[in-house]
Amino acid sequence: KRFWLENIFDFERTKKSIIKIHITFSDRHLAKEWIDQYIYDFNEFIAGNAASNSKLTSNYLERTLDSTSSESTREALNFLLIEQQRKLALANSIPEFALKTINKSVVPDMPSNISIYVILSLSLIFGLICSFIFVIFRISYMD
């Protein structure tokens, strides 16, 4: 399964912490659904991990806070506890916790496979046929 995902999805990380995800597949509509589902599942996974890690860390900080008598240590632990609670709130409330979609995925246009030479050839033939028909009608009206 991992080999399949590596061949289908193409990840590109830029210098600005932007991850570009490209997908190549024969069915364009199915590829769009896959990329949307992948981003949703990835965000759910990362948010779930962040929430569980935040809960574990919060529990540890609360236990440490209960056993600490130093005021400066208690103040530092309270600050860390507030930060963990903030992280937990963000993980539970923001749907785009890990990956924020800048441009929604779209179904790409079908590329045209007609070459310019075919178009020019057909235009020349069509022009010759129209000229021939015009000359025939002109001669028939003259008589």
Protein backbone atom coordinates (compact mmCIF):
# COMPACT_ATOMS: atom_id res chain seq x y z
CA LYS A 1 0.00 0.00 0.00
CA ARG A 2 2.82 2.40 0.79
CA PHE A 3 4.50 1.74 -2.58
CA TRP A 4 1.20 2.49 -4.31
CA LEU A 5 0.79 5.80 -2.48
CA GLU A 6 4.34 6.85 -3.26
CA ASN A 7 3.73 6.26 -6.97
CA ILE A 8 0.36 8.03 -7.07
CA PHE A 9 1.01 11.04 -4.83
CA ASP A 10 3.82 13.48 -5.50
CA PHE A 11 4.78 15.65 -2.54
CA GLU A 12 6.86 18.79 -2.96
CA ARG A 13 7.98 20.87 0.02
CA THR A 14 8.85 24.48 -0.71
CA LYS A 15 10.98 26.87 1.32
CA LYS A 16 7.89 28.54 2.82
CA SER A 17 6.61 25.36 4.53
CA ILE A 18 4.11 24.78 1.75
CA ILE A 19 3.53 21.20 0.70
CA LYS A 20 2.26 20.77 -2.83
CA ILE A 21 0.47 17.49 -3.44
CA HIS A 22 0.01 16.32 -6.99
CA ILE A 23 -1.81 13.17 -7.98
CA THR A 24 -1.62 11.35 -11.28
CA PHE A 25 -4.35 8.91 -12.14
CA SER A 26 -6.38 8.09 -15.23
CA ASP A 27 -9.74 9.08 -13.71
CA ARG A 28 -9.56 12.82 -12.96
CA HIS A 29 -12.71 12.91 -10.81
CA LEU A 30 -11.56 10.01 -8.67
CA ALA A 31 -8.14 11.65 -8.26
CA LYS A 32 -9.83 14.82 -6.96
CA GLU A 33 -11.86 12.81 -4.44
CA TRP A 34 -8.70 10.99 -3.30
CA ILE A 35 -6.73 14.17 -2.68
CA ASP A 36 -9.60 15.77 -0.77
CA GLN A 37 -10.04 12.63 1.35
CA TYR A 38 -6.28 12.32 1.90
CA ILE A 39 -6.02 15.87 3.25
CA TYR A 40 -9.06 15.37 5.48
CA ASP A 41 -7.74 12.07 6.87
CA PHE A 42 -4.26 13.49 7.40
CA ASN A 43 -5.64 16.47 9.34
CA GLU A 44 -7.82 14.15 11.46
CA PHE A 45 -4.84 11.90 12.20
CA ILE A 46 -2.50 14.74 13.20
CA ALA A 47 -5.20 16.49 15.27
CA GLY A 48 -5.99 13.22 17.07
CA ASN A 49 -2.32 12.62 17.86
CA ALA A 50 -1.87 16.21 19.03
CA ALA A 51 -4.95 15.97 21.24
CA SER A 52 -3.88 12.70 22.86
CA ASN A 53 -0.31 13.96 23.38
CA SER A 54 -1.67 17.19 24.84
CA LYS A 55 -3.92 15.26 27.26
CA LEU A 56 -1.03 13.08 28.40
CA THR A 57 1.23 16.08 28.86
CA SER A 58 -1.51 17.99 30.70
CA ASN A 59 -2.05 15.08 33.08
CA TYR A 60 1.68 14.86 33.78
CA LEU A 61 1.92 18.62 34.34
CA GLU A 62 -1.06 18.54 36.74
CA ARG A 63 0.50 15.71 38.76
CA THR A 64 3.82 17.57 38.86
CA LEU A 65 2.05 20.80 39.80
CA ASP A 66 0.36 19.06 42.75
CA SER A 67 3.70 17.79 44.09
CA THR A 68 5.67 21.03 43.60
CA SER A 69 5.94 23.61 46.35
CA SER A 70 8.23 26.15 44.65
CA GLU A 71 6.26 29.20 43.49
CA SER A 72 8.44 29.88 40.41
CA THR A 73 8.17 26.23 39.33
CA ARG A 74 4.42 26.27 39.84
CA GLU A 75 4.17 29.41 37.71
CA ALA A 76 6.19 27.80 34.90
CA LEU A 77 4.13 24.60 35.10
CA ASN A 78 0.89 26.62 34.99
CA PHE A 79 2.13 28.37 31.84
CA LEU A 80 2.98 25.02 30.24
CA LEU A 81 -0.39 23.62 31.27
CA ILE A 82 -2.21 26.55 29.67
CA GLU A 83 -0.22 26.04 26.46
CA GLN A 84 -1.16 22.35 26.37
CA GLN A 85 -4.82 23.20 26.90
CA ARG A 86 -4.62 25.75 24.08
CA LYS A 87 -3.08 23.11 21.80
CA LEU A 88 -5.85 20.67 22.73
CA ALA A 89 -8.52 23.28 21.98
CA LEU A 90 -6.97 24.03 18.59
CA ALA A 91 -6.69 20.34 17.70
CA ASN A 92 -10.36 19.80 18.54
CA SER A 93 -11.74 22.93 16.88
CA ILE A 94 -9.77 23.57 13.68
CA PRO A 95 -10.56 21.19 10.79
CA GLU A 96 -7.35 22.13 8.95
CA PHE A 97 -5.06 21.52 11.92
CA ALA A 98 -2.00 20.19 10.07
CA LEU A 99 -2.56 20.97 6.40
CA LYS A 100 -4.32 24.11 5.35
CA THR A 101 -5.68 23.98 1.84
CA ILE A 102 -4.72 27.12 -0.05
CA ASN A 103 -6.20 26.12 -3.40
CA LYS A 104 -8.95 23.53 -3.31
CA SER A 105 -8.38 20.55 -5.56
CA VAL A 106 -10.03 20.81 -8.95
CA VAL A 107 -10.57 18.42 -11.76
CA PRO A 108 -8.02 19.38 -14.40
CA ASP A 109 -9.04 20.18 -17.94
CA MET A 110 -8.59 17.48 -20.52
CA PRO A 111 -5.60 18.40 -22.63
CA SER A 112 -6.22 18.73 -26.32
CA ASN A 113 -4.25 16.18 -28.31
CA ILE A 114 -4.90 17.82 -31.68
CA SER A 115 -1.72 19.22 -33.15
CA ILE A 116 -1.53 22.59 -34.86
CA TYR A 117 -0.64 20.90 -38.16
CA VAL A 118 -3.90 18.96 -38.17
CA ILE A 119 -5.85 22.15 -37.51
CA LEU A 120 -4.02 24.02 -40.27
CA SER A 121 -4.51 21.16 -42.74
CA LEU A 122 -8.22 20.93 -42.00
CA SER A 123 -8.58 24.71 -42.29
CA LEU A 124 -6.83 24.68 -45.68
CA ILE A 125 -9.05 21.87 -46.98
CA PHE A 126 -12.18 23.61 -45.67
CA GLY A 127 -11.11 26.88 -47.30
CA LEU A 128 -10.47 25.18 -50.63
CA ILE A 129 -13.87 23.44 -50.54
CA CYS A 130 -15.66 26.71 -49.68
CA SER A 131 -13.81 28.52 -52.50
CA PHE A 132 -14.70 25.76 -54.96
CA ILE A 133 -18.39 25.88 -53.94
CA PHE A 134 -18.39 29.69 -54.21
CA VAL A 135 -16.90 29.55 -57.73
CA ILE A 136 -19.45 26.92 -58.86
CA PHE A 137 -22.39 28.99 -57.57
CA ARG A 138 -21.00 32.14 -59.14
CA ILE A 139 -20.63 30.42 -62.51
CA SER A 140 -24.11 28.88 -62.31
CA TYR A 141 -25.69 32.32 -61.55
CA MET A 142 -23.76 33.95 -64.39
CA ASP A 143 -25.26 31.55 -66.94
